[in-house]
């Protein structure tokens, strides 16, 4: 216990252990089209923007670019027109718990990592945190995936299921709704994607911010119907599936969310995102949360 609060596994891990060391940046004078190209080339959701002296001055994300699309800004507009400034930073030696709280408090998806001597040395986003948690859960003797132990206690542990972690509310639009309507919904509720349903109310596809950014780049009229740009089929998982298994699918499929169903895959009841997984601070069971896991080197030992 520290200050009356239980420690979690994140308290024993530092930002340095999870951050990405590849820094992708552009001049704040670069066009939005250049930003989009760079985002897709490096499979990122945001770029660090720099000033004339190559000092960090702002961030432009897919959310910001979607806003430019909605506002009708030309794709040739400079990134400085829509960037969020200043960037928010953490230190390599900060705990992941502290970094996660900073992200939550500011309603952001990532932090940049700045060292007092070397400047910006990395970036930390929800996928990085979830990936590290999954690594420790996978290596744990109680992991259902690795099956390192035949101990009967393994099957009696309290394990997280997708339904306990997912966001129960699902925003959906019909195939005939316009991209403009979808952008309004995404902005209002700060979602990363929406479910697109057919005339029978069944899940037919998904429109994400990534789909909208691509539509913007290619000059698609925002008045077109959702079915024009939606991704199909809907990536989904079962509500009673173990969280560890669902996280594995997210990581190896390189997607940020999956829609959740109870019995019928076409009847969507929730959404599981990497943000939801990070909130639990565990990729599998409650051992991490109850502080029974301590990290020593690359191994996770249960006390």
Protein backbone atom coordinates (compact mmCIF):
# COMPACT_ATOMS: atom_id res chain seq x y z
CA UNK A 1 0.00 0.00 0.00
CA UNK A 2 1.21 3.50 -0.83
CA UNK A 3 -0.70 6.57 0.38
CA UNK A 4 -3.66 4.30 1.11
CA UNK A 5 -3.77 2.95 -2.47
CA UNK A 6 -2.86 -0.48 -3.75
CA UNK A 7 0.14 -0.71 -6.00
CA UNK A 8 -0.43 -2.11 -9.47
CA UNK A 9 2.06 -3.71 -11.80
CA UNK A 10 2.30 -0.36 -13.62
CA UNK A 11 3.77 1.21 -10.50
CA UNK A 12 6.75 -1.13 -10.81
CA UNK A 13 7.33 -0.33 -14.49
CA UNK A 14 8.77 2.82 -16.00
CA UNK A 15 7.93 4.68 -19.18
CA UNK A 16 11.36 3.69 -20.52
CA UNK A 17 10.29 0.03 -20.63
CA UNK A 18 7.22 0.62 -22.80
CA UNK A 19 7.93 3.70 -24.93
CA UNK A 20 8.58 3.66 -28.65
CA UNK A 21 11.96 5.07 -29.50
CA UNK A 22 11.13 5.98 -33.07
CA UNK A 23 10.24 9.68 -33.28
CA UNK A 24 8.37 10.71 -36.40
CA UNK A 25 8.07 14.45 -36.84
CA UNK A 26 7.41 17.08 -39.47
CA UNK A 27 7.68 20.82 -39.73
CA UNK A 28 4.58 22.66 -38.59
CA UNK A 29 4.55 24.20 -42.08
CA UNK A 30 4.09 20.82 -43.75
CA UNK A 31 0.73 20.30 -45.48
CA UNK A 32 -2.01 18.12 -44.07
CA UNK A 33 -1.53 15.87 -47.08
CA UNK A 34 2.13 15.37 -46.07
CA UNK A 35 1.03 14.62 -42.53
CA UNK A 36 -1.43 11.99 -43.75
CA UNK A 37 1.25 10.35 -45.89
CA UNK A 38 3.63 10.19 -42.94
CA UNK A 39 0.96 8.83 -40.58
CA UNK A 40 0.14 5.95 -42.89
CA UNK A 41 3.74 5.23 -43.82
CA UNK A 42 4.68 4.69 -40.17
CA UNK A 43 1.27 3.33 -39.05
CA UNK A 44 0.82 6.08 -36.46
CA UNK A 45 -2.11 8.08 -35.15
CA UNK A 46 -0.28 11.35 -34.52
CA UNK A 47 2.81 13.32 -35.50
CA UNK A 48 5.05 15.61 -33.52
CA UNK A 49 5.44 19.00 -35.21
CA UNK A 50 8.55 21.14 -34.89
CA UNK A 51 9.37 24.81 -35.43
CA UNK A 52 12.18 26.41 -37.43
CA UNK A 53 14.75 25.33 -34.85
CA UNK A 54 13.39 21.75 -34.82
CA UNK A 55 11.98 22.19 -31.32
CA UNK A 56 8.66 20.47 -30.54
CA UNK A 57 5.81 22.91 -30.97
CA UNK A 58 2.64 20.87 -31.43
CA UNK A 59 0.91 17.63 -32.34
CA UNK A 60 -1.43 16.77 -35.19
CA UNK A 61 -3.51 13.59 -34.92
CA UNK A 62 -6.02 11.73 -37.05
CA UNK A 63 -8.70 13.32 -34.87
CA UNK A 64 -7.44 16.79 -35.80
CA UNK A 65 -7.28 15.86 -39.48
CA UNK A 66 -10.83 14.52 -39.34
CA UNK A 67 -11.82 17.91 -37.92
CA UNK A 68 -10.18 19.62 -40.89
CA UNK A 69 -12.14 17.36 -43.24
CA UNK A 70 -15.37 18.23 -41.46
CA UNK A 71 -14.56 21.96 -41.58
CA UNK A 72 -13.82 21.83 -45.31
CA UNK A 73 -10.16 22.88 -45.04
CA UNK A 74 -8.10 22.16 -48.16
CA UNK A 75 -5.80 19.16 -47.71
CA UNK A 76 -2.95 21.49 -48.76
CA UNK A 77 -3.42 23.58 -45.59
CA UNK A 78 -0.42 23.78 -43.23
CA UNK A 79 -0.46 21.51 -40.19
CA UNK A 80 -0.01 24.56 -37.96
CA UNK A 81 -3.63 25.52 -38.75
CA UNK A 82 -4.99 22.57 -36.78
CA UNK A 83 -2.16 21.42 -34.48
CA UNK A 84 -2.64 21.09 -30.74
CA UNK A 85 -0.01 23.03 -28.83
CA UNK A 86 2.04 22.52 -26.75
CA UNK A 87 2.81 18.78 -26.80
CA UNK A 88 2.51 17.00 -23.46
CA UNK A 89 5.59 15.21 -22.14
CA UNK A 90 6.62 12.69 -19.54
CA UNK A 91 10.04 11.46 -18.41
CA UNK A 92 11.59 8.05 -19.25
CA UNK A 93 11.85 7.41 -15.51
CA UNK A 94 8.21 8.20 -14.70
CA UNK A 95 6.11 5.21 -13.70
CA UNK A 96 3.66 3.89 -16.27
CA UNK A 97 0.94 4.41 -13.68
CA UNK A 98 1.74 8.13 -13.53
CA UNK A 99 1.92 8.40 -17.32
CA UNK A 100 -1.43 6.62 -17.72
CA UNK A 101 -3.06 8.97 -15.23
CA UNK A 102 -1.61 11.97 -17.06
CA UNK A 103 -3.08 10.69 -20.32
CA UNK A 104 -6.47 10.16 -18.70
CA UNK A 105 -6.57 13.51 -16.96
CA UNK A 106 -5.82 15.32 -20.22
CA UNK A 107 -8.04 13.13 -22.38
CA UNK A 108 -5.22 12.22 -24.75
CA UNK A 109 -4.04 9.00 -26.39
CA UNK A 110 -0.28 9.55 -26.17
CA UNK A 111 2.55 11.38 -24.44
CA UNK A 112 5.95 12.26 -25.82
CA UNK A 113 8.96 11.30 -23.75
CA UNK A 114 11.57 13.94 -23.05
CA UNK A 115 14.94 13.47 -21.40
CA UNK A 116 16.65 16.46 -19.80
CA UNK A 117 19.87 15.77 -21.69
CA UNK A 118 18.77 14.30 -25.03
CA UNK A 119 15.48 16.07 -25.66
CA UNK A 120 12.60 14.05 -27.13
CA UNK A 121 13.59 10.38 -26.99
CA UNK A 122 10.32 8.53 -27.53
CA UNK A 123 6.54 8.37 -27.44
CA UNK A 124 4.12 6.46 -25.25
CA UNK A 125 0.58 5.50 -26.32
CA UNK A 126 -2.08 3.08 -25.12
CA UNK A 127 -0.93 0.27 -27.48
CA UNK A 128 2.55 0.43 -25.93
CA UNK A 129 1.18 0.08 -22.40
CA UNK A 130 -1.20 -2.75 -23.30
CA UNK A 131 1.55 -4.53 -25.24
CA UNK A 132 3.86 -4.49 -22.23
CA UNK A 133 1.11 -5.69 -19.89
CA UNK A 134 0.32 -8.50 -22.31
CA UNK A 135 3.99 -9.49 -22.40
CA UNK A 136 4.13 -9.92 -18.62
CA UNK A 137 0.80 -11.74 -18.51
CA UNK A 138 1.93 -14.04 -21.31
CA UNK A 139 5.13 -14.90 -19.42
CA UNK A 140 3.33 -15.38 -16.11
CA UNK A 141 2.98 -18.99 -14.92
CA UNK A 142 -0.79 -18.50 -14.73
CA UNK A 143 -1.19 -17.38 -18.34
CA UNK A 144 -3.86 -19.29 -20.25
CA UNK A 145 -1.96 -18.66 -23.48
CA UNK A 146 1.51 -19.86 -22.50
CA UNK A 147 0.27 -22.71 -20.25
CA UNK A 148 3.54 -22.80 -18.32
CA UNK A 149 1.91 -24.39 -15.32
CA UNK A 150 -0.37 -27.37 -14.78
CA UNK A 151 -1.16 -26.13 -11.29
CA UNK A 152 -4.91 -26.64 -10.62
CA UNK A 153 -4.94 -23.16 -9.07
CA UNK A 154 -4.57 -21.81 -12.60
CA UNK A 155 -8.20 -22.46 -13.51
CA UNK A 156 -9.52 -21.11 -10.23
CA UNK A 157 -8.02 -17.62 -10.61
CA UNK A 158 -10.33 -14.68 -11.15
CA UNK A 159 -9.76 -13.82 -14.79
CA UNK A 160 -11.05 -10.85 -16.67
CA UNK A 161 -13.59 -11.42 -19.41
CA UNK A 162 -14.20 -9.02 -22.28
CA UNK A 163 -17.67 -8.11 -20.93
CA UNK A 164 -16.10 -6.80 -17.70
CA UNK A 165 -13.80 -4.42 -19.54
CA UNK A 166 -15.63 -3.36 -22.70
CA UNK A 167 -17.53 -0.13 -23.23
CA UNK A 168 -21.17 -1.22 -23.25
CA UNK A 169 -22.50 1.67 -25.35
CA UNK A 170 -22.19 1.28 -29.12
CA UNK A 171 -22.59 4.18 -31.51
CA UNK A 172 -24.04 3.06 -34.82
CA UNK A 173 -25.09 4.62 -38.10
CA UNK A 174 -26.85 3.22 -41.11
CA UNK A 175 -25.17 2.50 -44.43
CA UNK A 176 -26.99 5.43 -46.04
CA UNK A 177 -25.90 8.00 -43.43
CA UNK A 178 -23.35 10.54 -44.63
CA UNK A 179 -19.71 10.82 -43.62
CA UNK A 180 -20.56 14.28 -42.30
CA UNK A 181 -23.08 12.76 -39.87
CA UNK A 182 -20.54 10.18 -38.76
CA UNK A 183 -17.87 12.83 -38.13
CA UNK A 184 -20.35 14.77 -35.98
CA UNK A 185 -21.01 11.67 -33.91
CA UNK A 186 -17.35 10.77 -33.50
CA UNK A 187 -16.50 14.32 -32.42
CA UNK A 188 -19.38 14.58 -29.96
CA UNK A 189 -18.64 11.32 -28.13
CA UNK A 190 -14.88 11.13 -28.77
CA UNK A 191 -15.05 7.63 -30.25
CA UNK A 192 -12.49 6.24 -32.67
CA UNK A 193 -14.94 4.33 -34.85
CA UNK A 194 -18.64 3.65 -35.32
CA UNK A 195 -20.59 0.57 -36.30
CA UNK A 196 -22.42 0.71 -39.61
CA UNK A 197 -25.66 -1.30 -39.76
CA UNK A 198 -27.67 -2.58 -42.69
CA UNK A 199 -31.41 -2.16 -43.25
CA UNK A 200 -32.08 -4.95 -40.74
CA UNK A 201 -30.00 -3.34 -38.00
CA UNK A 202 -27.22 -5.93 -38.32
CA UNK A 203 -23.54 -4.96 -38.24
CA UNK A 204 -22.36 -4.50 -41.84
CA UNK A 205 -19.10 -2.61 -41.42
CA UNK A 206 -17.12 0.01 -39.51
CA UNK A 207 -16.11 3.58 -40.27
CA UNK A 208 -13.07 4.72 -38.29
CA UNK A 209 -11.12 7.94 -38.17
CA UNK A 210 -8.54 6.19 -40.34
CA UNK A 211 -11.19 5.59 -43.03
CA UNK A 212 -12.23 9.23 -42.83
CA UNK A 213 -8.66 10.53 -43.10
CA UNK A 214 -8.15 8.43 -46.22
CA UNK A 215 -11.40 9.75 -47.66
CA UNK A 216 -10.18 13.31 -46.99
CA UNK A 217 -6.87 12.65 -48.71
CA UNK A 218 -8.59 11.24 -51.79
CA UNK A 219 -11.05 14.11 -52.04
CA UNK A 220 -14.17 12.12 -51.20
CA UNK A 221 -17.23 14.33 -50.76
CA UNK A 222 -18.19 14.20 -47.04
CA UNK A 223 -21.83 13.98 -48.15
CA UNK A 224 -21.37 10.44 -49.54
CA UNK A 225 -22.90 7.45 -47.77
CA UNK A 226 -21.03 5.55 -45.07
CA UNK A 227 -21.05 2.33 -47.08
CA UNK A 228 -18.77 4.06 -49.61
CA UNK A 229 -15.78 4.04 -47.25
CA UNK A 230 -16.66 1.55 -44.50
CA UNK A 231 -14.38 -1.39 -43.67
CA UNK A 232 -15.99 -4.82 -43.74
CA UNK A 233 -16.43 -7.33 -42.17
CA UNK A 234 -16.76 -6.11 -38.59
CA UNK A 235 -13.83 -7.28 -36.42
CA UNK A 236 -15.42 -8.77 -33.33
CA UNK A 237 -14.98 -11.00 -30.30
CA UNK A 238 -17.30 -12.78 -27.90
CA UNK A 239 -18.33 -11.08 -24.65
CA UNK A 240 -17.33 -14.08 -22.52
CA UNK A 241 -13.93 -14.45 -24.18
CA UNK A 242 -10.93 -14.10 -21.86
CA UNK A 243 -9.43 -10.61 -21.99
CA UNK A 244 -5.97 -12.06 -22.54
CA UNK A 245 -7.14 -13.73 -25.75
CA UNK A 246 -8.89 -10.60 -27.01
CA UNK A 247 -5.83 -8.43 -26.36
CA UNK A 248 -3.73 -10.91 -28.31
CA UNK A 249 -6.06 -10.46 -31.30
CA UNK A 250 -5.85 -6.67 -31.04
CA UNK A 251 -2.07 -6.65 -30.85
CA UNK A 252 -1.38 -9.10 -33.65
CA UNK A 253 -4.06 -7.64 -35.93
CA UNK A 254 -2.70 -4.13 -35.30
CA UNK A 255 -6.17 -2.73 -34.62
CA UNK A 256 -7.21 -0.47 -31.77
CA UNK A 257 -10.68 -1.86 -31.14
CA UNK A 258 -13.01 -4.79 -31.68
CA UNK A 259 -16.78 -4.88 -31.46
CA UNK A 260 -18.28 -7.34 -28.99
CA UNK A 261 -21.23 -9.70 -29.33
CA UNK A 262 -22.92 -12.04 -26.86
CA UNK A 263 -24.29 -14.92 -28.96
CA UNK A 264 -24.85 -13.70 -32.52
CA UNK A 265 -21.86 -11.99 -34.22
CA UNK A 266 -24.27 -9.67 -36.04
CA UNK A 267 -25.78 -8.46 -32.73
CA UNK A 268 -23.15 -6.07 -31.37
CA UNK A 269 -23.41 -5.23 -27.66
CA UNK A 270 -20.19 -3.37 -26.90
CA UNK A 271 -16.71 -2.26 -27.94
CA UNK A 272 -13.33 -3.33 -26.57
CA UNK A 273 -10.53 -0.84 -27.16
CA UNK A 274 -6.89 -0.63 -26.15
CA UNK A 275 -7.90 2.23 -23.86
CA UNK A 276 -10.29 -0.11 -22.03
CA UNK A 277 -7.56 -2.73 -21.72
CA UNK A 278 -5.08 -0.20 -20.30
CA UNK A 279 -7.64 0.93 -17.72
CA UNK A 280 -7.74 -2.57 -16.21
CA UNK A 281 -3.92 -2.53 -15.81
CA UNK A 282 -3.76 -6.26 -16.50
CA UNK A 283 -3.92 -8.43 -19.57
CA UNK A 284 -5.35 -11.47 -17.84
CA UNK A 285 -6.29 -11.84 -14.18
CA UNK A 286 -6.49 -9.88 -10.96
CA UNK A 287 -3.04 -10.86 -9.73
CA UNK A 288 -1.52 -7.69 -11.21
CA UNK A 289 -4.13 -5.44 -9.66
CA UNK A 290 -3.89 -7.03 -6.22
CA UNK A 291 -0.13 -6.41 -6.23
CA UNK A 292 0.93 -10.05 -6.17
CA UNK A 293 3.05 -9.57 -9.25
CA UNK A 294 6.43 -7.93 -8.87
CA UNK A 295 8.69 -7.32 -11.81
CA UNK A 296 12.27 -8.48 -11.65
CA UNK A 297 14.22 -8.10 -14.86
CA UNK A 298 12.20 -9.69 -17.65
CA UNK A 299 10.32 -12.15 -15.44
CA UNK A 300 7.05 -11.73 -13.59
CA UNK A 301 6.96 -13.78 -10.40
CA UNK A 302 3.79 -14.29 -8.39
CA UNK A 303 4.30 -14.01 -4.64
